[in-house]
């Protein structure tokens, strides 16, 4: 989870992540926190490897939309 000196970003990121569906959260966690490959994610989640890229794209877009809704710009979220 992203940390900031004032703690606001961390709380906001936690709030946004909680807005994702459990499967989306797992995808994002495995890809961006654990650094798992699409093949590894597919194996862990019981999905086809070709499905991972579009699913991650949609989860990222959802995160971006939720962050924008609470006032973060793309510069702040990059």
N, C-alpha and C. Protein backbone atom coordinates (compact mmCIF):
# COMPACT_ATOMS: atom_id res chain seq x y z
N UNK A 1 0.85 -1.18 0.00
CA UNK A 1 0.00 0.00 0.00
C UNK A 1 0.88 1.23 0.00
N UNK A 2 0.50 2.22 -0.79
CA UNK A 2 1.27 3.45 -0.90
C UNK A 2 1.22 4.19 0.43
N UNK A 3 2.39 4.68 0.86
CA UNK A 3 2.45 5.43 2.10
C UNK A 3 2.85 6.86 1.81
N UNK A 4 2.31 7.77 2.58
CA UNK A 4 2.67 9.18 2.48
C UNK A 4 2.91 9.71 3.88
N UNK A 5 3.65 10.81 3.96
CA UNK A 5 3.98 11.35 5.27
C UNK A 5 2.73 11.74 6.06
N UNK A 6 1.68 12.17 5.36
CA UNK A 6 0.47 12.57 6.07
C UNK A 6 -0.53 11.42 6.21
N UNK A 7 -0.26 10.26 5.60
CA UNK A 7 -1.12 9.10 5.74
C UNK A 7 -2.35 9.09 4.85
N UNK A 8 -2.67 10.20 4.18
CA UNK A 8 -3.89 10.27 3.38
C UNK A 8 -3.87 9.35 2.17
N UNK A 9 -2.76 9.29 1.48
CA UNK A 9 -2.70 8.46 0.28
C UNK A 9 -2.92 7.01 0.64
N UNK A 10 -2.26 6.55 1.69
CA UNK A 10 -2.39 5.17 2.10
C UNK A 10 -3.85 4.81 2.38
N UNK A 11 -4.54 5.66 3.10
CA UNK A 11 -5.95 5.40 3.42
C UNK A 11 -6.81 5.41 2.15
N UNK A 12 -6.53 6.36 1.27
CA UNK A 12 -7.28 6.45 0.02
C UNK A 12 -7.05 5.22 -0.85
N UNK A 13 -5.79 4.78 -0.93
CA UNK A 13 -5.49 3.61 -1.75
C UNK A 13 -6.18 2.38 -1.17
N UNK A 14 -6.15 2.23 0.14
CA UNK A 14 -6.84 1.12 0.78
C UNK A 14 -8.33 1.17 0.47
N UNK A 15 -8.91 2.35 0.54
CA UNK A 15 -10.33 2.52 0.26
C UNK A 15 -10.64 2.14 -1.18
N UNK A 16 -9.81 2.60 -2.11
CA UNK A 16 -10.03 2.30 -3.52
C UNK A 16 -9.89 0.81 -3.78
N UNK A 17 -8.84 0.19 -3.23
CA UNK A 17 -8.66 -1.24 -3.42
C UNK A 17 -9.84 -2.04 -2.87
N UNK A 18 -10.41 -1.57 -1.79
CA UNK A 18 -11.56 -2.27 -1.22
C UNK A 18 -12.79 -2.14 -2.12
N UNK A 19 -12.76 -1.19 -3.06
CA UNK A 19 -13.85 -1.02 -4.01
C UNK A 19 -13.78 -1.98 -5.18
N UNK A 20 -12.66 -2.69 -5.31
CA UNK A 20 -12.54 -3.69 -6.37
C UNK A 20 -13.19 -4.99 -5.93
N UNK A 21 -13.61 -5.76 -6.89
CA UNK A 21 -14.12 -7.10 -6.60
C UNK A 21 -12.94 -7.94 -6.12
N UNK A 22 -13.20 -8.97 -5.31
CA UNK A 22 -12.10 -9.80 -4.79
C UNK A 22 -11.17 -10.34 -5.88
N UNK A 23 -11.71 -10.77 -6.99
CA UNK A 23 -10.88 -11.29 -8.08
C UNK A 23 -10.00 -10.20 -8.68
N UNK A 24 -10.56 -9.00 -8.83
CA UNK A 24 -9.78 -7.88 -9.34
C UNK A 24 -8.65 -7.52 -8.38
N UNK A 25 -8.97 -7.51 -7.09
CA UNK A 25 -7.96 -7.21 -6.07
C UNK A 25 -6.82 -8.23 -6.12
N UNK A 26 -7.19 -9.50 -6.26
CA UNK A 26 -6.18 -10.56 -6.33
C UNK A 26 -5.29 -10.38 -7.56
N UNK A 27 -5.90 -10.07 -8.70
CA UNK A 27 -5.13 -9.83 -9.92
C UNK A 27 -4.13 -8.69 -9.73
N UNK A 28 -4.61 -7.57 -9.22
CA UNK A 28 -3.77 -6.40 -9.02
C UNK A 28 -2.65 -6.73 -8.02
N UNK A 29 -2.99 -7.39 -6.94
CA UNK A 29 -2.00 -7.75 -5.93
C UNK A 29 -0.91 -8.65 -6.52
N UNK A 30 -1.34 -9.70 -7.20
CA UNK A 30 -0.37 -10.64 -7.77
C UNK A 30 0.53 -9.97 -8.81
N UNK A 31 -0.04 -9.12 -9.65
CA UNK A 31 0.73 -8.49 -10.72
C UNK A 31 1.65 -7.39 -10.22
N UNK A 32 1.15 -6.52 -9.37
CA UNK A 32 1.89 -5.31 -9.04
C UNK A 32 2.55 -5.31 -7.68
N UNK A 33 2.11 -6.15 -6.78
CA UNK A 33 2.77 -6.25 -5.48
C UNK A 33 3.71 -7.46 -5.47
N UNK A 34 3.20 -8.60 -5.88
CA UNK A 34 4.00 -9.81 -5.90
C UNK A 34 4.91 -9.89 -7.13
N UNK A 35 4.57 -9.17 -8.19
CA UNK A 35 5.37 -9.19 -9.40
C UNK A 35 5.22 -10.47 -10.21
N UNK A 36 4.09 -11.14 -10.08
CA UNK A 36 3.85 -12.39 -10.79
C UNK A 36 3.64 -12.15 -12.27
N UNK A 37 4.07 -13.11 -13.09
CA UNK A 37 3.85 -13.04 -14.53
C UNK A 37 2.40 -13.40 -14.83
N UNK A 38 1.98 -13.11 -16.05
CA UNK A 38 0.62 -13.48 -16.45
C UNK A 38 0.43 -14.99 -16.36
N UNK A 39 1.44 -15.75 -16.72
CA UNK A 39 1.37 -17.21 -16.64
C UNK A 39 1.19 -17.66 -15.18
N UNK A 40 1.97 -17.06 -14.28
CA UNK A 40 1.87 -17.41 -12.87
C UNK A 40 0.49 -17.05 -12.31
N UNK A 41 0.01 -15.86 -12.65
CA UNK A 41 -1.31 -15.43 -12.19
C UNK A 41 -2.38 -16.39 -12.69
N UNK A 42 -2.31 -16.75 -13.96
CA UNK A 42 -3.29 -17.67 -14.53
C UNK A 42 -3.28 -18.99 -13.76
N UNK A 43 -2.10 -19.51 -13.46
CA UNK A 43 -2.01 -20.78 -12.73
C UNK A 43 -2.57 -20.67 -11.32
N UNK A 44 -2.26 -19.59 -10.64
CA UNK A 44 -2.74 -19.39 -9.27
C UNK A 44 -4.26 -19.25 -9.24
N UNK A 45 -4.80 -18.50 -10.21
CA UNK A 45 -6.22 -18.19 -10.19
C UNK A 45 -7.08 -19.16 -10.99
N UNK A 46 -6.45 -20.11 -11.67
CA UNK A 46 -7.21 -21.07 -12.46
C UNK A 46 -7.85 -20.46 -13.70
N UNK A 47 -7.15 -19.51 -14.31
CA UNK A 47 -7.65 -18.81 -15.49
C UNK A 47 -6.73 -19.10 -16.67
N UNK A 48 -7.21 -18.75 -17.87
CA UNK A 48 -6.36 -18.86 -19.05
C UNK A 48 -5.40 -17.68 -19.09
N UNK A 49 -4.17 -17.95 -19.48
CA UNK A 49 -3.14 -16.91 -19.51
C UNK A 49 -3.56 -15.72 -20.39
N UNK A 50 -4.21 -16.00 -21.52
CA UNK A 50 -4.61 -14.92 -22.43
C UNK A 50 -5.68 -14.01 -21.81
N UNK A 51 -6.33 -14.46 -20.75
CA UNK A 51 -7.36 -13.66 -20.09
C UNK A 51 -6.79 -12.62 -19.13
N UNK A 52 -5.56 -12.83 -18.68
CA UNK A 52 -5.00 -11.99 -17.62
C UNK A 52 -4.80 -10.55 -18.07
N UNK A 53 -4.21 -10.35 -19.24
CA UNK A 53 -3.94 -8.98 -19.71
C UNK A 53 -5.20 -8.12 -19.77
N UNK A 54 -6.27 -8.56 -20.43
CA UNK A 54 -7.48 -7.71 -20.46
C UNK A 54 -8.12 -7.54 -19.09
N UNK A 55 -8.02 -8.56 -18.24
CA UNK A 55 -8.59 -8.42 -16.90
C UNK A 55 -7.82 -7.40 -16.09
N UNK A 56 -6.49 -7.41 -16.20
CA UNK A 56 -5.68 -6.41 -15.50
C UNK A 56 -5.95 -5.01 -16.04
N UNK A 57 -6.11 -4.90 -17.35
CA UNK A 57 -6.42 -3.60 -17.95
C UNK A 57 -7.71 -3.04 -17.36
N UNK A 58 -8.74 -3.86 -17.30
CA UNK A 58 -10.02 -3.40 -16.76
C UNK A 58 -9.91 -3.04 -15.28
N UNK A 59 -9.16 -3.82 -14.51
CA UNK A 59 -8.98 -3.53 -13.09
C UNK A 59 -8.23 -2.22 -12.91
N UNK A 60 -7.19 -1.98 -13.72
CA UNK A 60 -6.45 -0.72 -13.64
C UNK A 60 -7.35 0.45 -14.00
N UNK A 61 -8.14 0.31 -15.04
CA UNK A 61 -9.05 1.39 -15.43
C UNK A 61 -10.04 1.69 -14.32
N UNK A 62 -10.54 0.66 -13.68
CA UNK A 62 -11.47 0.85 -12.57
C UNK A 62 -10.78 1.59 -11.42
N UNK A 63 -9.54 1.22 -11.13
CA UNK A 63 -8.78 1.92 -10.08
C UNK A 63 -8.59 3.39 -10.44
N UNK A 64 -8.22 3.65 -11.68
CA UNK A 64 -8.02 5.03 -12.13
C UNK A 64 -9.31 5.83 -11.98
N UNK A 65 -10.42 5.26 -12.40
CA UNK A 65 -11.71 5.95 -12.29
C UNK A 65 -12.06 6.24 -10.84
N UNK A 66 -11.82 5.27 -9.96
CA UNK A 66 -12.13 5.47 -8.54
C UNK A 66 -11.22 6.52 -7.93
N UNK A 67 -9.93 6.52 -8.30
CA UNK A 67 -9.02 7.54 -7.78
C UNK A 67 -9.39 8.93 -8.27
N UNK A 68 -9.77 9.04 -9.52
CA UNK A 68 -10.22 10.34 -10.05
C UNK A 68 -11.46 10.82 -9.30
N UNK A 69 -12.36 9.90 -8.97
CA UNK A 69 -13.60 10.25 -8.28
C UNK A 69 -13.33 10.83 -6.89
N UNK A 70 -12.20 10.44 -6.28
CA UNK A 70 -11.89 11.00 -4.96
C UNK A 70 -10.87 12.12 -5.04
N UNK A 71 -10.57 12.56 -6.28
CA UNK A 71 -9.79 13.78 -6.45
C UNK A 71 -8.33 13.63 -6.82
N UNK A 72 -7.86 12.43 -7.12
CA UNK A 72 -6.47 12.28 -7.53
C UNK A 72 -6.35 12.46 -9.03
N UNK A 73 -5.29 13.17 -9.44
CA UNK A 73 -5.02 13.33 -10.86
C UNK A 73 -4.12 12.19 -11.32
N UNK A 74 -3.96 12.05 -12.63
CA UNK A 74 -3.08 11.00 -13.14
C UNK A 74 -1.65 11.20 -12.69
N UNK A 75 -1.22 12.43 -12.57
CA UNK A 75 0.14 12.71 -12.11
C UNK A 75 0.35 12.15 -10.71
N UNK A 76 -0.65 12.30 -9.84
CA UNK A 76 -0.53 11.82 -8.46
C UNK A 76 -0.60 10.30 -8.40
N UNK A 77 -1.30 9.66 -9.34
CA UNK A 77 -1.49 8.21 -9.29
C UNK A 77 -0.42 7.46 -10.07
N UNK A 78 0.40 8.15 -10.85
CA UNK A 78 1.43 7.49 -11.67
C UNK A 78 2.61 7.06 -10.85
